[in-house]
Amino acid sequence: MTLTAVFQKFPEGYAAFVEELPGANTQGATLEEARVNLTEAAELILESNRFVSERSLAGQDVIREPFALPAL
């Protein structure tokens, strides 16, 4: 699955977000910095979501398995 990064130019640099991943947004002085920062923001959102999910399900009988989405 490929996600969509959106970059918007401002006088101070670039704002960036991932369309399919709410909360994954950042900024950078250059386009390259915004790209690097967006990768980190997306990783942190996914890590945080996993932590919250694992914590809310602690002690419950659940099944966890890999899940891959086909390309849209």
N, C-alpha and C. Protein backbone atom coordinates (compact mmCIF):
# COMPACT_ATOMS: atom_id res chain seq x y z
N MET A 1 0.85 -1.18 0.00
CA MET A 1 0.00 0.00 0.00
C MET A 1 0.89 1.24 0.00
N THR A 2 0.54 2.17 -0.81
CA THR A 2 1.25 3.44 -0.88
C THR A 2 0.32 4.54 -0.39
N LEU A 3 0.84 5.40 0.49
CA LEU A 3 0.06 6.52 1.01
C LEU A 3 0.41 7.78 0.23
N THR A 4 -0.39 8.83 0.44
CA THR A 4 -0.20 10.07 -0.31
C THR A 4 0.31 11.18 0.60
N ALA A 5 1.50 11.67 0.31
CA ALA A 5 2.06 12.82 1.03
C ALA A 5 1.68 14.08 0.28
N VAL A 6 1.26 15.09 1.03
CA VAL A 6 0.89 16.38 0.44
C VAL A 6 1.81 17.44 1.04
N PHE A 7 2.41 18.26 0.16
CA PHE A 7 3.33 19.31 0.58
C PHE A 7 2.78 20.65 0.09
N GLN A 8 2.75 21.62 0.97
CA GLN A 8 2.27 22.95 0.59
C GLN A 8 3.36 23.96 0.90
N LYS A 9 3.71 24.76 -0.11
CA LYS A 9 4.78 25.75 0.03
C LYS A 9 4.25 27.01 0.69
N PHE A 10 5.01 27.49 1.66
CA PHE A 10 4.74 28.76 2.35
C PHE A 10 6.02 29.58 2.31
N PRO A 11 5.97 30.87 2.59
CA PRO A 11 7.20 31.67 2.61
C PRO A 11 8.25 31.12 3.58
N GLU A 12 7.81 30.53 4.68
CA GLU A 12 8.74 30.01 5.70
C GLU A 12 9.25 28.61 5.38
N GLY A 13 8.67 27.92 4.39
CA GLY A 13 9.08 26.56 4.08
C GLY A 13 7.90 25.75 3.57
N TYR A 14 7.78 24.51 4.05
CA TYR A 14 6.74 23.60 3.58
C TYR A 14 5.97 23.01 4.76
N ALA A 15 4.66 22.89 4.59
CA ALA A 15 3.81 22.12 5.49
C ALA A 15 3.55 20.80 4.79
N ALA A 16 3.39 19.73 5.55
CA ALA A 16 3.19 18.42 4.94
C ALA A 16 2.27 17.57 5.79
N PHE A 17 1.51 16.71 5.11
CA PHE A 17 0.67 15.75 5.81
C PHE A 17 0.44 14.53 4.94
N VAL A 18 -0.01 13.44 5.57
CA VAL A 18 -0.37 12.22 4.85
C VAL A 18 -1.89 12.17 4.78
N GLU A 19 -2.44 12.16 3.56
CA GLU A 19 -3.89 12.21 3.39
C GLU A 19 -4.61 11.09 4.13
N GLU A 20 -4.07 9.88 4.09
CA GLU A 20 -4.75 8.72 4.64
C GLU A 20 -4.44 8.45 6.11
N LEU A 21 -3.64 9.28 6.73
CA LEU A 21 -3.22 9.03 8.11
C LEU A 21 -3.41 10.28 8.96
N PRO A 22 -4.62 10.48 9.48
CA PRO A 22 -4.88 11.67 10.30
C PRO A 22 -3.86 11.81 11.43
N GLY A 23 -3.39 13.01 11.63
CA GLY A 23 -2.42 13.29 12.68
C GLY A 23 -0.99 13.28 12.20
N ALA A 24 -0.74 12.71 11.03
CA ALA A 24 0.62 12.68 10.48
C ALA A 24 0.83 13.96 9.69
N ASN A 25 1.31 14.99 10.37
CA ASN A 25 1.57 16.27 9.72
C ASN A 25 2.80 16.91 10.34
N THR A 26 3.43 17.77 9.57
CA THR A 26 4.68 18.38 10.02
C THR A 26 5.00 19.58 9.13
N GLN A 27 6.21 20.06 9.27
CA GLN A 27 6.69 21.16 8.44
C GLN A 27 8.20 21.05 8.31
N GLY A 28 8.76 21.83 7.40
CA GLY A 28 10.20 21.87 7.22
C GLY A 28 10.60 23.11 6.47
N ALA A 29 11.82 23.55 6.69
CA ALA A 29 12.32 24.74 6.00
C ALA A 29 12.52 24.47 4.51
N THR A 30 12.83 23.21 4.18
CA THR A 30 13.00 22.80 2.78
C THR A 30 12.08 21.63 2.50
N LEU A 31 11.87 21.33 1.23
CA LEU A 31 11.05 20.18 0.85
C LEU A 31 11.64 18.89 1.39
N GLU A 32 12.96 18.75 1.28
CA GLU A 32 13.61 17.54 1.79
C GLU A 32 13.44 17.40 3.30
N GLU A 33 13.58 18.49 4.04
CA GLU A 33 13.38 18.44 5.49
C GLU A 33 11.94 18.06 5.80
N ALA A 34 11.00 18.60 5.07
CA ALA A 34 9.59 18.25 5.29
C ALA A 34 9.35 16.77 5.01
N ARG A 35 9.99 16.23 3.98
CA ARG A 35 9.85 14.79 3.68
C ARG A 35 10.39 13.93 4.82
N VAL A 36 11.56 14.28 5.31
CA VAL A 36 12.17 13.53 6.42
C VAL A 36 11.27 13.62 7.66
N ASN A 37 10.82 14.83 7.96
CA ASN A 37 9.96 15.03 9.13
C ASN A 37 8.64 14.29 8.99
N LEU A 38 8.10 14.22 7.76
CA LEU A 38 6.83 13.53 7.56
C LEU A 38 6.97 12.03 7.76
N THR A 39 8.08 11.48 7.33
CA THR A 39 8.34 10.06 7.58
C THR A 39 8.34 9.78 9.07
N GLU A 40 9.03 10.62 9.82
CA GLU A 40 9.07 10.46 11.28
C GLU A 40 7.69 10.63 11.89
N ALA A 41 6.93 11.61 11.43
CA ALA A 41 5.59 11.85 11.97
C ALA A 41 4.69 10.64 11.72
N ALA A 42 4.74 10.07 10.53
CA ALA A 42 3.93 8.90 10.21
C ALA A 42 4.32 7.70 11.09
N GLU A 43 5.62 7.49 11.25
CA GLU A 43 6.09 6.40 12.11
C GLU A 43 5.61 6.58 13.54
N LEU A 44 5.68 7.82 14.05
CA LEU A 44 5.25 8.09 15.42
C LEU A 44 3.75 7.89 15.60
N ILE A 45 2.96 8.28 14.61
CA ILE A 45 1.50 8.09 14.69
C ILE A 45 1.18 6.60 14.74
N LEU A 46 1.81 5.82 13.87
CA LEU A 46 1.56 4.37 13.86
C LEU A 46 2.01 3.72 15.17
N GLU A 47 3.16 4.12 15.66
CA GLU A 47 3.68 3.59 16.93
C GLU A 47 2.74 3.94 18.08
N SER A 48 2.29 5.17 18.11
CA SER A 48 1.38 5.63 19.16
C SER A 48 0.04 4.88 19.09
N ASN A 49 -0.49 4.73 17.89
CA ASN A 49 -1.76 4.01 17.74
C ASN A 49 -1.63 2.56 18.21
N ARG A 50 -0.50 1.93 17.88
CA ARG A 50 -0.28 0.55 18.32
C ARG A 50 -0.21 0.49 19.85
N PHE A 51 0.50 1.42 20.46
CA PHE A 51 0.62 1.46 21.92
C PHE A 51 -0.74 1.61 22.58
N VAL A 52 -1.54 2.54 22.09
CA VAL A 52 -2.88 2.78 22.66
C VAL A 52 -3.74 1.54 22.51
N SER A 53 -3.69 0.91 21.35
CA SER A 53 -4.48 -0.30 21.11
C SER A 53 -4.04 -1.43 22.03
N GLU A 54 -2.74 -1.67 22.12
CA GLU A 54 -2.24 -2.75 22.97
C GLU A 54 -2.61 -2.51 24.43
N ARG A 55 -2.52 -1.28 24.85
CA ARG A 55 -2.85 -0.94 26.24
C ARG A 55 -4.34 -1.15 26.52
N SER A 56 -5.19 -0.76 25.58
CA SER A 56 -6.64 -0.89 25.80
C SER A 56 -7.09 -2.34 25.75
N LEU A 57 -6.31 -3.20 25.09
CA LEU A 57 -6.67 -4.61 24.97
C LEU A 57 -5.90 -5.52 25.94
N ALA A 58 -5.07 -4.94 26.78
CA ALA A 58 -4.24 -5.74 27.70
C ALA A 58 -5.12 -6.66 28.54
N GLY A 59 -4.71 -7.92 28.59
CA GLY A 59 -5.42 -8.90 29.40
C GLY A 59 -6.63 -9.51 28.72
N GLN A 60 -6.98 -9.04 27.55
CA GLN A 60 -8.13 -9.59 26.83
C GLN A 60 -7.68 -10.67 25.85
N ASP A 61 -8.59 -11.58 25.55
CA ASP A 61 -8.30 -12.65 24.61
C ASP A 61 -8.53 -12.13 23.20
N VAL A 62 -7.44 -11.82 22.51
CA VAL A 62 -7.53 -11.28 21.15
C VAL A 62 -6.59 -12.07 20.23
N ILE A 63 -6.82 -11.95 18.95
CA ILE A 63 -5.94 -12.55 17.94
C ILE A 63 -5.28 -11.40 17.19
N ARG A 64 -3.98 -11.44 17.11
CA ARG A 64 -3.23 -10.44 16.33
C ARG A 64 -2.56 -11.16 15.17
N GLU A 65 -2.65 -10.58 13.99
CA GLU A 65 -2.00 -11.17 12.82
C GLU A 65 -1.63 -10.07 11.84
N PRO A 66 -0.66 -10.33 10.97
CA PRO A 66 -0.29 -9.33 9.97
C PRO A 66 -1.48 -9.02 9.06
N PHE A 67 -1.54 -7.79 8.60
CA PHE A 67 -2.63 -7.33 7.77
C PHE A 67 -2.07 -6.42 6.70
N ALA A 68 -2.21 -6.82 5.45
CA ALA A 68 -1.70 -6.01 4.34
C ALA A 68 -2.87 -5.58 3.46
N LEU A 69 -2.87 -4.32 3.09
CA LEU A 69 -3.90 -3.81 2.20
C LEU A 69 -3.40 -3.87 0.76
N PRO A 70 -4.25 -4.31 -0.15
CA PRO A 70 -3.85 -4.27 -1.55
C PRO A 70 -3.83 -2.83 -2.04
N ALA A 71 -3.12 -2.59 -3.10
CA ALA A 71 -3.08 -1.25 -3.68
C ALA A 71 -4.48 -0.83 -4.10
N LEU A 72 -4.80 0.43 -3.89
CA LEU A 72 -6.11 0.93 -4.26
C LEU A 72 -6.15 1.35 -5.71
